[in-house]
Each structure stands twice: as structure tokens, then as C-alpha cells.
Amino acid sequence: MPIDPIAAGLLQQMAEAGMPPLNEMSPADARQAAEGFRALAGEPEPVADVTDRTIPGPGGDIPVRIYTPAGGGSSLPCLVYYHGGGWVLGDIEGVDTICRAVANRAGCKVVSVEYRLAPEHKFPAPFDDCYAALEWVAANGDGIGVDTSKLAVGGDSAGGNLAAAVAIKARDDGGPALRHQLLVYPVTNHSYGTES
């Protein structure tokens, strides 16, 4: 399958700028470079409400951003969303445009989670934060306008991996009941047998 023309153009621009591949950069340099990609997401669309807060986690407070869709509602389904970035990059700001669009299109609350990143925080720290966030939403749904009988997890890339792992733990350990997973190009195969 050929690479998407937009992605190919971006890769060509990066090469022409002399930018090394992200995997060859230090974590700090890769994070700074990744911030430059935020403009590609376009203008964030309006939603009824965006609330930043922290919730308790196993390694300290976890920043989350709660989106209420246009039209609102007092008890909505909820997607707990985990950003991508190879477990090293990314934050709730980087997926703001995506979370707004999902909230509006799905008519649900979205709780975006800023889990701890590697290499400063080794596995299982990111996973522990993500699972703690799901448990927090399930325990505090009434206070944030969430129907806890309609919970979902999702994420892109590394976030998709975290969402799938959280769903498995919730199932196996009798945790919060999930209705759906939204896995966007998730990392689910660790064989490393492909060129990419």
C-alpha cells in the first residue's frame, strides 16, 4: 500500500529541513519537534464546555481535560481518551482538536488523560495512570455529568495500545464495565517484523 500523499509530503518537508527522524532525537528534542505538528490538526471546533482539572493517580495528580459536546446534557456517555506519541511524546493539548470533534460527533463527554511519559516514567506508569483515570471517571460520573453505564476507552497509536490494555484489565479484574473501544491505529503487535 503506498503512503498517503499528505503524509509523504510531510515526511519530505521534514527531510528537506534536515530534521532527523523522531526516533533518533533525544526525548526533549522529539517533544519540541512534535509540538510543531499541532498546527496540522486545524482549528479546534467549539464545544459546550472544556474543563481542565487534576485527578488523583498512583504517582501523583494526573491532568485531565473534560469536553462536553455542543448541546450538552446532564448525563452523557463518556470516552476516556489516551493520546499517542510512542509513550514518550504528547499531551492533552496535542489532541484537543480531535477530542472536541469526537465529543461533538458522538454526543458524548470526552475525558482526555495526560499520563506520565517515558523515559522519565518507566512502564507500567503510563498504564497505571490510564487505568486510574478510567476508575476515577467510573467513580465520579455523577459529578461530571457522565452516565457510567455508557463508558468507552480510546486512543491513537500508543494511546490505542493503552486503551486496549485498560479494557483487558477492566474485563479481567472486574473493573469498570466498558461499552466500546475506539482504537485509532493502535500499537497491538510487538513483533517488529515490518520495515516501519
N, C-alpha and C. Protein backbone atom coordinates (compact mmCIF):
# COMPACT_ATOMS: atom_id res chain seq x y z
N MET A 1 0.85 -1.17 0.00
CA MET A 1 0.00 0.00 0.00
C MET A 1 0.90 1.24 0.00
N PRO A 2 0.67 2.17 -0.93
CA PRO A 2 1.50 3.38 -0.96
C PRO A 2 1.16 4.30 0.21
N ILE A 3 2.13 5.11 0.59
CA ILE A 3 1.92 6.05 1.69
C ILE A 3 0.97 7.15 1.23
N ASP A 4 0.14 7.61 2.13
CA ASP A 4 -0.80 8.70 1.85
C ASP A 4 -0.02 9.91 1.35
N PRO A 5 -0.51 10.59 0.30
CA PRO A 5 0.23 11.73 -0.26
C PRO A 5 0.48 12.86 0.75
N ILE A 6 -0.44 13.09 1.66
CA ILE A 6 -0.24 14.15 2.66
C ILE A 6 0.88 13.75 3.61
N ALA A 7 0.87 12.49 4.05
CA ALA A 7 1.95 12.01 4.92
C ALA A 7 3.28 12.03 4.19
N ALA A 8 3.29 11.63 2.93
CA ALA A 8 4.52 11.65 2.14
C ALA A 8 5.07 13.06 2.03
N GLY A 9 4.18 14.03 1.82
CA GLY A 9 4.61 15.43 1.74
C GLY A 9 5.22 15.93 3.04
N LEU A 10 4.61 15.54 4.15
CA LEU A 10 5.15 15.93 5.46
C LEU A 10 6.52 15.32 5.68
N LEU A 11 6.68 14.05 5.36
CA LEU A 11 7.98 13.39 5.53
C LEU A 11 9.04 14.04 4.64
N GLN A 12 8.64 14.43 3.44
CA GLN A 12 9.58 15.09 2.54
C GLN A 12 9.99 16.46 3.10
N GLN A 13 9.03 17.22 3.64
CA GLN A 13 9.36 18.51 4.25
C GLN A 13 10.32 18.33 5.41
N MET A 14 10.10 17.32 6.22
CA MET A 14 10.98 17.06 7.36
C MET A 14 12.40 16.73 6.87
N ALA A 15 12.50 15.91 5.83
CA ALA A 15 13.81 15.53 5.30
C ALA A 15 14.52 16.75 4.70
N GLU A 16 13.76 17.58 3.96
CA GLU A 16 14.35 18.76 3.35
C GLU A 16 14.82 19.77 4.39
N ALA A 17 14.16 19.78 5.54
CA ALA A 17 14.55 20.70 6.61
C ALA A 17 15.75 20.16 7.39
N GLY A 18 16.19 18.96 7.04
CA GLY A 18 17.33 18.36 7.73
C GLY A 18 16.97 17.81 9.10
N MET A 19 15.69 17.61 9.32
CA MET A 19 15.23 17.12 10.61
C MET A 19 15.48 15.62 10.71
N PRO A 20 16.18 15.18 11.75
CA PRO A 20 16.38 13.73 11.89
C PRO A 20 15.06 13.06 12.27
N PRO A 21 14.95 11.77 12.03
CA PRO A 21 13.73 11.05 12.45
C PRO A 21 13.53 11.19 13.96
N LEU A 22 12.28 11.22 14.40
CA LEU A 22 11.98 11.38 15.83
C LEU A 22 12.69 10.35 16.68
N ASN A 23 12.80 9.10 16.18
CA ASN A 23 13.41 8.05 16.98
C ASN A 23 14.92 8.23 17.16
N GLU A 24 15.51 9.16 16.42
CA GLU A 24 16.94 9.44 16.58
C GLU A 24 17.19 10.69 17.42
N MET A 25 16.15 11.34 17.89
CA MET A 25 16.27 12.54 18.70
C MET A 25 16.22 12.19 20.18
N SER A 26 16.71 13.11 21.00
CA SER A 26 16.52 12.96 22.45
C SER A 26 15.03 13.14 22.73
N PRO A 27 14.53 12.62 23.85
CA PRO A 27 13.12 12.83 24.17
C PRO A 27 12.74 14.31 24.19
N ALA A 28 13.59 15.17 24.75
CA ALA A 28 13.27 16.60 24.82
C ALA A 28 13.18 17.21 23.42
N ASP A 29 14.12 16.87 22.53
CA ASP A 29 14.08 17.41 21.17
C ASP A 29 12.89 16.86 20.39
N ALA A 30 12.58 15.58 20.57
CA ALA A 30 11.44 14.98 19.87
C ALA A 30 10.13 15.63 20.34
N ARG A 31 10.02 15.91 21.63
CA ARG A 31 8.81 16.56 22.14
C ARG A 31 8.66 17.95 21.55
N GLN A 32 9.77 18.68 21.47
CA GLN A 32 9.71 20.03 20.89
C GLN A 32 9.32 19.96 19.42
N ALA A 33 9.91 19.02 18.68
CA ALA A 33 9.57 18.87 17.27
C ALA A 33 8.11 18.50 17.09
N ALA A 34 7.62 17.61 17.92
CA ALA A 34 6.22 17.17 17.80
C ALA A 34 5.24 18.31 18.03
N GLU A 35 5.60 19.27 18.86
CA GLU A 35 4.71 20.42 19.08
C GLU A 35 4.46 21.18 17.78
N GLY A 36 5.42 21.14 16.87
CA GLY A 36 5.25 21.81 15.58
C GLY A 36 4.16 21.18 14.72
N PHE A 37 3.80 19.93 15.00
CA PHE A 37 2.76 19.26 14.21
C PHE A 37 1.35 19.65 14.64
N ARG A 38 1.21 20.32 15.76
CA ARG A 38 -0.13 20.66 16.26
C ARG A 38 -0.93 21.50 15.29
N ALA A 39 -0.26 22.37 14.56
CA ALA A 39 -0.96 23.23 13.61
C ALA A 39 -1.64 22.42 12.52
N LEU A 40 -1.14 21.21 12.26
CA LEU A 40 -1.73 20.38 11.21
C LEU A 40 -3.14 19.92 11.57
N ALA A 41 -3.48 19.95 12.84
CA ALA A 41 -4.80 19.47 13.28
C ALA A 41 -5.92 20.43 12.89
N GLY A 42 -5.60 21.65 12.52
CA GLY A 42 -6.63 22.62 12.14
C GLY A 42 -7.19 23.34 13.35
N GLU A 43 -8.17 24.16 13.08
CA GLU A 43 -8.79 24.96 14.13
C GLU A 43 -9.70 24.09 14.99
N PRO A 44 -9.58 24.21 16.31
CA PRO A 44 -10.48 23.44 17.18
C PRO A 44 -11.91 23.97 17.08
N GLU A 45 -12.86 23.05 17.02
CA GLU A 45 -14.25 23.47 16.93
C GLU A 45 -14.82 23.75 18.31
N PRO A 46 -15.84 24.60 18.36
CA PRO A 46 -16.43 24.90 19.67
C PRO A 46 -17.20 23.70 20.24
N VAL A 47 -17.13 23.57 21.54
CA VAL A 47 -17.92 22.59 22.29
C VAL A 47 -18.63 23.38 23.39
N ALA A 48 -19.54 22.73 24.12
CA ALA A 48 -20.28 23.44 25.16
C ALA A 48 -19.39 23.83 26.32
N ASP A 49 -18.40 22.97 26.66
CA ASP A 49 -17.54 23.28 27.80
C ASP A 49 -16.25 22.47 27.72
N VAL A 50 -15.17 23.09 28.18
CA VAL A 50 -13.88 22.42 28.33
C VAL A 50 -13.39 22.75 29.74
N THR A 51 -13.12 21.71 30.52
CA THR A 51 -12.66 21.90 31.90
C THR A 51 -11.35 21.15 32.11
N ASP A 52 -10.32 21.87 32.53
CA ASP A 52 -9.06 21.25 32.92
C ASP A 52 -9.06 21.06 34.42
N ARG A 53 -8.59 19.90 34.84
CA ARG A 53 -8.50 19.60 36.26
C ARG A 53 -7.46 18.52 36.49
N THR A 54 -7.19 18.20 37.72
CA THR A 54 -6.33 17.07 38.03
C THR A 54 -7.15 16.08 38.85
N ILE A 55 -6.77 14.82 38.70
CA ILE A 55 -7.40 13.74 39.46
C ILE A 55 -6.29 12.96 40.17
N PRO A 56 -6.61 12.27 41.25
CA PRO A 56 -5.56 11.53 41.94
C PRO A 56 -5.10 10.32 41.13
N GLY A 57 -3.80 10.09 41.16
CA GLY A 57 -3.24 8.95 40.46
C GLY A 57 -2.21 8.24 41.30
N PRO A 58 -1.71 7.11 40.83
CA PRO A 58 -0.77 6.32 41.61
C PRO A 58 0.59 6.99 41.80
N GLY A 59 0.94 7.93 40.94
CA GLY A 59 2.22 8.62 41.05
C GLY A 59 2.06 10.10 41.29
N GLY A 60 0.88 10.53 41.72
CA GLY A 60 0.59 11.95 41.90
C GLY A 60 -0.60 12.34 41.05
N ASP A 61 -0.89 13.63 41.04
CA ASP A 61 -2.04 14.12 40.29
C ASP A 61 -1.86 13.90 38.78
N ILE A 62 -2.97 13.54 38.13
CA ILE A 62 -3.00 13.32 36.68
C ILE A 62 -3.82 14.44 36.05
N PRO A 63 -3.23 15.23 35.13
CA PRO A 63 -4.03 16.23 34.43
C PRO A 63 -5.02 15.57 33.47
N VAL A 64 -6.25 16.05 33.48
CA VAL A 64 -7.26 15.61 32.52
C VAL A 64 -7.97 16.84 31.97
N ARG A 65 -8.53 16.68 30.80
CA ARG A 65 -9.35 17.72 30.19
C ARG A 65 -10.68 17.09 29.84
N ILE A 66 -11.77 17.70 30.33
CA ILE A 66 -13.12 17.15 30.15
C ILE A 66 -13.87 18.01 29.14
N TYR A 67 -14.34 17.37 28.07
CA TYR A 67 -15.07 18.04 27.00
C TYR A 67 -16.54 17.68 27.09
N THR A 68 -17.39 18.68 27.03
CA THR A 68 -18.84 18.49 26.94
C THR A 68 -19.25 18.91 25.53
N PRO A 69 -19.96 18.05 24.80
CA PRO A 69 -20.28 18.37 23.41
C PRO A 69 -21.26 19.53 23.29
N ALA A 70 -21.26 20.13 22.11
CA ALA A 70 -22.25 21.15 21.80
C ALA A 70 -23.63 20.53 22.03
N GLY A 71 -24.51 21.27 22.67
CA GLY A 71 -25.83 20.73 23.01
C GLY A 71 -25.86 20.18 24.41
N GLY A 72 -24.69 19.84 24.95
CA GLY A 72 -24.56 19.42 26.35
C GLY A 72 -25.44 18.25 26.73
N GLY A 73 -25.92 18.28 27.94
CA GLY A 73 -26.72 17.21 28.51
C GLY A 73 -26.27 16.94 29.92
N SER A 74 -27.17 16.41 30.74
CA SER A 74 -26.85 16.23 32.16
C SER A 74 -26.21 14.89 32.47
N SER A 75 -26.41 13.88 31.63
CA SER A 75 -25.82 12.56 31.89
C SER A 75 -25.52 11.91 30.55
N LEU A 76 -24.28 12.05 30.11
CA LEU A 76 -23.88 11.63 28.77
C LEU A 76 -22.95 10.43 28.81
N PRO A 77 -22.93 9.65 27.72
CA PRO A 77 -21.89 8.63 27.59
C PRO A 77 -20.52 9.31 27.66
N CYS A 78 -19.48 8.53 27.91
CA CYS A 78 -18.15 9.12 28.06
C CYS A 78 -17.08 8.26 27.41
N LEU A 79 -16.19 8.91 26.69
CA LEU A 79 -14.99 8.30 26.13
C LEU A 79 -13.80 8.80 26.93
N VAL A 80 -13.06 7.89 27.56
CA VAL A 80 -11.80 8.23 28.22
C VAL A 80 -10.72 8.05 27.17
N TYR A 81 -10.03 9.16 26.81
CA TYR A 81 -9.13 9.17 25.66
C TYR A 81 -7.67 9.31 26.09
N TYR A 82 -6.82 8.46 25.47
CA TYR A 82 -5.39 8.46 25.75
C TYR A 82 -4.63 8.85 24.48
N HIS A 83 -3.83 9.92 24.56
CA HIS A 83 -3.10 10.42 23.40
C HIS A 83 -1.99 9.45 22.97
N GLY A 84 -1.59 9.59 21.72
CA GLY A 84 -0.46 8.83 21.20
C GLY A 84 0.85 9.58 21.42
N GLY A 85 1.92 9.02 20.86
CA GLY A 85 3.23 9.64 20.97
C GLY A 85 4.32 8.68 21.39
N GLY A 86 4.12 7.40 21.12
CA GLY A 86 5.15 6.42 21.42
C GLY A 86 5.49 6.30 22.89
N TRP A 87 4.56 6.67 23.75
CA TRP A 87 4.73 6.64 25.21
C TRP A 87 5.75 7.67 25.69
N VAL A 88 6.31 8.47 24.76
CA VAL A 88 7.35 9.44 25.07
C VAL A 88 6.89 10.86 24.79
N LEU A 89 6.04 11.04 23.80
CA LEU A 89 5.58 12.36 23.35
C LEU A 89 4.11 12.52 23.64
N GLY A 90 3.64 13.75 23.49
CA GLY A 90 2.21 14.02 23.51
C GLY A 90 1.69 14.47 24.86
N ASP A 91 0.51 15.07 24.79
CA ASP A 91 -0.17 15.56 25.98
C ASP A 91 -1.61 15.88 25.60
N ILE A 92 -2.39 16.37 26.55
CA ILE A 92 -3.80 16.64 26.27
C ILE A 92 -3.96 17.81 25.29
N GLU A 93 -3.01 18.71 25.27
CA GLU A 93 -3.10 19.84 24.33
C GLU A 93 -2.99 19.36 22.89
N GLY A 94 -2.16 18.36 22.65
CA GLY A 94 -1.94 17.86 21.30
C GLY A 94 -3.12 17.15 20.68
N VAL A 95 -4.07 16.69 21.49
CA VAL A 95 -5.25 16.00 20.95
C VAL A 95 -6.53 16.82 21.19
N ASP A 96 -6.36 18.09 21.50
CA ASP A 96 -7.51 18.95 21.77
C ASP A 96 -8.49 18.99 20.60
N THR A 97 -7.99 19.20 19.39
CA THR A 97 -8.88 19.28 18.22
C THR A 97 -9.63 17.97 18.01
N ILE A 98 -8.93 16.85 18.16
CA ILE A 98 -9.55 15.53 17.99
C ILE A 98 -10.63 15.31 19.04
N CYS A 99 -10.32 15.61 20.28
CA CYS A 99 -11.29 15.36 21.36
C CYS A 99 -12.54 16.21 21.21
N ARG A 100 -12.38 17.45 20.78
CA ARG A 100 -13.54 18.30 20.53
C ARG A 100 -14.43 17.70 19.45
N ALA A 101 -13.81 17.26 18.35
CA ALA A 101 -14.57 16.70 17.24
C ALA A 101 -15.29 15.42 17.67
N VAL A 102 -14.61 14.55 18.41
CA VAL A 102 -15.24 13.30 18.86
C VAL A 102 -16.41 13.61 19.79
N ALA A 103 -16.21 14.54 20.72
CA ALA A 103 -17.30 14.89 21.64
C ALA A 103 -18.54 15.34 20.86
N ASN A 104 -18.34 16.22 19.90
CA ASN A 104 -19.48 16.73 19.14
C ASN A 104 -20.10 15.67 18.24
N ARG A 105 -19.29 14.90 17.53
CA ARG A 105 -19.84 13.92 16.59
C ARG A 105 -20.53 12.76 17.32
N ALA A 106 -19.95 12.34 18.44
CA ALA A 106 -20.52 11.21 19.17
C ALA A 106 -21.55 11.63 20.21
N GLY A 107 -21.63 12.93 20.49
CA GLY A 107 -22.57 13.39 21.51
C GLY A 107 -22.23 12.85 22.89
N CYS A 108 -20.93 12.79 23.19
CA CYS A 108 -20.51 12.24 24.47
C CYS A 108 -19.50 13.16 25.14
N LYS A 109 -19.34 12.96 26.44
CA LYS A 109 -18.23 13.60 27.14
C LYS A 109 -16.95 12.90 26.69
N VAL A 110 -15.86 13.64 26.68
CA VAL A 110 -14.55 13.06 26.44
C VAL A 110 -13.66 13.51 27.59
N VAL A 111 -13.01 12.55 28.23
CA VAL A 111 -12.04 12.86 29.27
C VAL A 111 -10.67 12.48 28.70
N SER A 112 -9.87 13.49 28.37
CA SER A 112 -8.55 13.29 27.81
C SER A 112 -7.53 13.23 28.95
N VAL A 113 -6.67 12.22 28.91
CA VAL A 113 -5.77 11.92 30.03
C VAL A 113 -4.32 12.22 29.65
N GLU A 114 -3.65 12.98 30.50
CA GLU A 114 -2.22 13.27 30.30
C GLU A 114 -1.41 12.38 31.24
N TYR A 115 -1.17 11.16 30.78
CA TYR A 115 -0.46 10.18 31.58
C TYR A 115 1.05 10.50 31.60
N ARG A 116 1.74 9.92 32.57
CA ARG A 116 3.19 10.11 32.68
C ARG A 116 3.89 9.47 31.49
N LEU A 117 4.98 10.12 31.05
CA LEU A 117 5.69 9.70 29.85
C LEU A 117 7.03 9.03 30.17
N ALA A 118 7.44 8.14 29.26
CA ALA A 118 8.78 7.54 29.29
C ALA A 118 9.73 8.54 28.61
N PRO A 119 11.01 8.47 28.84
CA PRO A 119 11.71 7.50 29.68
C PRO A 119 11.76 7.90 31.16
N GLU A 120 11.25 9.08 31.48
CA GLU A 120 11.29 9.52 32.88
C GLU A 120 10.47 8.59 33.77
N HIS A 121 9.38 8.08 33.22
CA HIS A 121 8.47 7.21 33.98
C HIS A 121 8.36 5.89 33.24
N LYS A 122 8.98 4.89 33.77
CA LYS A 122 9.04 3.58 33.14
C LYS A 122 7.70 2.85 33.25
N PHE A 123 7.49 1.89 32.33
CA PHE A 123 6.34 1.01 32.41
C PHE A 123 6.33 0.35 33.79
N PRO A 124 5.19 0.27 34.43
CA PRO A 124 3.83 0.47 33.96
C PRO A 124 3.23 1.84 34.31
N ALA A 125 4.04 2.86 34.57
CA ALA A 125 3.50 4.16 35.00
C ALA A 125 2.44 4.72 34.05
N PRO A 126 2.68 4.78 32.72
CA PRO A 126 1.62 5.31 31.85
C PRO A 126 0.33 4.50 31.93
N PHE A 127 0.46 3.18 31.92
CA PHE A 127 -0.71 2.31 32.02
C PHE A 127 -1.44 2.54 33.35
N ASP A 128 -0.70 2.61 34.43
CA ASP A 128 -1.31 2.82 35.75
C ASP A 128 -2.11 4.11 35.79
N ASP A 129 -1.57 5.18 35.19
CA ASP A 129 -2.30 6.45 35.14
C ASP A 129 -3.58 6.31 34.33
N CYS A 130 -3.47 5.63 33.19
CA CYS A 130 -4.64 5.48 32.32
C CYS A 130 -5.75 4.68 32.99
N TYR A 131 -5.37 3.61 33.67
CA TYR A 131 -6.38 2.81 34.36
C TYR A 131 -6.98 3.60 35.52
N ALA A 132 -6.16 4.33 36.25
CA ALA A 132 -6.65 5.16 37.36
C ALA A 132 -7.65 6.19 36.86
N ALA A 133 -7.40 6.74 35.67
CA ALA A 133 -8.33 7.73 35.12
C ALA A 133 -9.68 7.10 34.79
N LEU A 134 -9.66 5.90 34.22
CA LEU A 134 -10.92 5.20 33.95
C LEU A 134 -11.67 4.95 35.25
N GLU A 135 -10.97 4.46 36.27
CA GLU A 135 -11.62 4.20 37.56
C GLU A 135 -12.19 5.48 38.15
N TRP A 136 -11.46 6.59 38.01
CA TRP A 136 -11.93 7.87 38.54
C TRP A 136 -13.22 8.30 37.83
N VAL A 137 -13.25 8.19 36.51
CA VAL A 137 -14.47 8.55 35.77
C VAL A 137 -15.63 7.68 36.21
N ALA A 138 -15.40 6.38 36.35
CA ALA A 138 -16.47 5.46 36.76
C ALA A 138 -16.99 5.79 38.16
N ALA A 139 -16.10 6.24 39.04
CA ALA A 139 -16.50 6.55 40.43
C ALA A 139 -17.07 7.95 40.58
N ASN A 140 -16.81 8.84 39.63
CA ASN A 140 -17.20 10.25 39.76
C ASN A 140 -18.10 10.74 38.64
N GLY A 141 -18.73 9.81 37.94
CA GLY A 141 -19.55 10.18 36.80
C GLY A 141 -20.62 11.20 37.10
N ASP A 142 -21.33 11.02 38.23
CA ASP A 142 -22.40 11.96 38.56
C ASP A 142 -21.88 13.39 38.66
N GLY A 143 -20.71 13.56 39.22
CA GLY A 143 -20.15 14.90 39.41
C GLY A 143 -19.69 15.58 38.14
N ILE A 144 -19.48 14.80 37.08
CA ILE A 144 -19.02 15.40 35.82
C ILE A 144 -20.03 15.20 34.69
N GLY A 145 -21.23 14.75 35.03
CA GLY A 145 -22.28 14.61 34.02
C GLY A 145 -22.13 13.42 33.10
N VAL A 146 -21.61 12.31 33.63
CA VAL A 146 -21.36 11.11 32.83
C VAL A 146 -22.30 9.99 33.27
N ASP A 147 -22.89 9.31 32.29
CA ASP A 147 -23.66 8.10 32.52
C ASP A 147 -22.66 6.94 32.56
N THR A 148 -22.35 6.45 33.76
CA THR A 148 -21.30 5.45 33.91
C THR A 148 -21.68 4.06 33.38
N SER A 149 -22.92 3.91 32.93
CA SER A 149 -23.29 2.66 32.27
C SER A 149 -22.92 2.70 30.79
N LYS A 150 -22.38 3.84 30.35
CA LYS A 150 -22.02 4.03 28.94
C LYS A 150 -20.60 4.58 28.83
N LEU A 151 -19.64 3.77 29.31
CA LEU A 151 -18.23 4.17 29.28
C LEU A 151 -17.50 3.51 28.12
N ALA A 152 -16.54 4.24 27.55
CA ALA A 152 -15.68 3.73 26.49
C ALA A 152 -14.27 4.22 26.74
N VAL A 153 -13.31 3.52 26.18
CA VAL A 153 -11.93 3.97 26.19
C VAL A 153 -11.45 4.06 24.75
N GLY A 154 -10.49 4.94 24.51
CA GLY A 154 -9.95 5.07 23.17
C GLY A 154 -8.64 5.80 23.18
N GLY A 155 -7.97 5.74 22.03
CA GLY A 155 -6.72 6.45 21.87
C GLY A 155 -6.12 6.16 20.52
N ASP A 156 -5.09 6.96 20.20
CA ASP A 156 -4.39 6.80 18.93
C ASP A 156 -2.98 6.31 19.19
N SER A 157 -2.52 5.38 18.35
CA SER A 157 -1.16 4.86 18.40
C SER A 157 -0.85 4.28 19.78
N ALA A 158 0.13 4.84 20.50
CA ALA A 158 0.42 4.35 21.85
C ALA A 158 -0.81 4.48 22.74
N GLY A 159 -1.61 5.50 22.52
CA GLY A 159 -2.86 5.66 23.27
C GLY A 159 -3.85 4.56 22.97
N GLY A 160 -3.85 4.07 21.72
CA GLY A 160 -4.69 2.93 21.37
C GLY A 160 -4.22 1.67 22.08
N ASN A 161 -2.91 1.53 22.21
CA ASN A 161 -2.36 0.41 22.97
C ASN A 161 -2.81 0.49 24.42
N LEU A 162 -2.69 1.67 25.01
CA LEU A 162 -3.09 1.85 26.40
C LEU A 162 -4.58 1.59 26.58
N ALA A 163 -5.40 2.06 25.64
CA ALA A 163 -6.85 1.83 25.73
C ALA A 163 -7.17 0.34 25.68
N ALA A 164 -6.52 -0.39 24.77
CA ALA A 164 -6.77 -1.83 24.67
C ALA A 164 -6.34 -2.53 25.95
N ALA A 165 -5.18 -2.15 26.50
CA ALA A 165 -4.69 -2.77 27.72
C ALA A 165 -5.59 -2.45 28.91
N VAL A 166 -6.08 -1.21 28.98
CA VAL A 166 -7.01 -0.82 30.05
C VAL A 166 -8.29 -1.64 29.95
N ALA A 167 -8.79 -1.83 28.72
CA ALA A 167 -10.02 -2.62 28.53
C ALA A 167 -9.82 -4.06 28.99
N ILE A 168 -8.67 -4.63 28.70
CA ILE A 168 -8.40 -6.01 29.12
C ILE A 168 -8.35 -6.10 30.64
N LYS A 169 -7.67 -5.16 31.29
CA LYS A 169 -7.60 -5.18 32.76
C LYS A 169 -8.98 -5.00 33.37
N ALA A 170 -9.76 -4.07 32.83
CA ALA A 170 -11.10 -3.84 33.36
C ALA A 170 -11.94 -5.11 33.24
N ARG A 171 -11.82 -5.80 32.13
CA ARG A 171 -12.56 -7.06 31.93
C ARG A 171 -12.07 -8.14 32.89
N ASP A 172 -10.77 -8.33 32.94
CA ASP A 172 -10.20 -9.44 33.72
C ASP A 172 -10.30 -9.23 35.23
N ASP A 173 -10.25 -7.98 35.68
CA ASP A 173 -10.24 -7.68 37.11
C ASP A 173 -11.59 -7.20 37.64
N GLY A 174 -12.63 -7.29 36.82
CA GLY A 174 -13.95 -6.83 37.26
C GLY A 174 -14.00 -5.33 37.47
N GLY A 175 -13.25 -4.59 36.66
CA GLY A 175 -13.22 -3.13 36.75
C GLY A 175 -14.43 -2.50 36.09
N PRO A 176 -14.35 -1.21 35.79
CA PRO A 176 -15.48 -0.53 35.15
C PRO A 176 -15.92 -1.24 33.88
N ALA A 177 -17.23 -1.39 33.72
CA ALA A 177 -17.78 -2.04 32.53
C ALA A 177 -17.67 -1.08 31.36
N LEU A 178 -17.09 -1.56 30.27
CA LEU A 178 -16.92 -0.74 29.07
C LEU A 178 -17.88 -1.19 27.99
N ARG A 179 -18.38 -0.21 27.24
CA ARG A 179 -19.29 -0.50 26.14
C ARG A 179 -18.59 -0.50 24.79
N HIS A 180 -17.40 0.16 24.73
CA HIS A 180 -16.78 0.38 23.42
C HIS A 180 -15.30 0.70 23.59
N GLN A 181 -14.54 0.37 22.54
CA GLN A 181 -13.16 0.82 22.42
C GLN A 181 -13.02 1.56 21.09
N LEU A 182 -12.35 2.69 21.11
CA LEU A 182 -12.04 3.45 19.90
C LEU A 182 -10.53 3.39 19.74
N LEU A 183 -10.06 2.46 18.93
CA LEU A 183 -8.62 2.24 18.76
C LEU A 183 -8.21 2.76 17.39
N VAL A 184 -7.47 3.87 17.40
CA VAL A 184 -7.04 4.55 16.18
C VAL A 184 -5.58 4.19 15.92
N TYR A 185 -5.31 3.46 14.84
CA TYR A 185 -4.00 2.89 14.53
C TYR A 185 -3.25 2.49 15.80
N PRO A 186 -3.84 1.57 16.58
CA PRO A 186 -3.23 1.20 17.86
C PRO A 186 -1.98 0.34 17.69
N VAL A 187 -1.09 0.43 18.63
CA VAL A 187 0.07 -0.45 18.68
C VAL A 187 -0.40 -1.73 19.37
N THR A 188 -0.65 -2.76 18.57
CA THR A 188 -1.14 -4.02 19.14
C THR A 188 -0.30 -5.21 18.73
N ASN A 189 0.77 -4.98 17.97
CA ASN A 189 1.65 -6.06 17.51
C ASN A 189 3.07 -5.65 17.83
N HIS A 190 3.75 -6.41 18.66
CA HIS A 190 5.11 -6.05 19.04
C HIS A 190 6.16 -6.98 18.40
N SER A 191 5.84 -7.55 17.25
CA SER A 191 6.79 -8.45 16.62
C SER A 191 7.94 -7.70 15.94
N TYR A 192 7.72 -6.44 15.61
CA TYR A 192 8.74 -5.61 14.96
C TYR A 192 9.27 -6.25 13.69
N GLY A 193 8.39 -6.91 12.94
CA GLY A 193 8.80 -7.60 11.73
C GLY A 193 8.53 -6.81 10.45
N THR A 194 8.14 -5.55 10.57
CA THR A 194 7.88 -4.77 9.37
C THR A 194 8.88 -3.62 9.25
N GLU A 195 9.04 -3.10 8.07
CA GLU A 195 10.02 -2.04 7.83
C GLU A 195 9.72 -0.80 8.66
N SER A 196 8.43 -0.46 8.82
CA SER A 196 8.08 0.75 9.59
C SER A 196 8.18 0.53 11.07
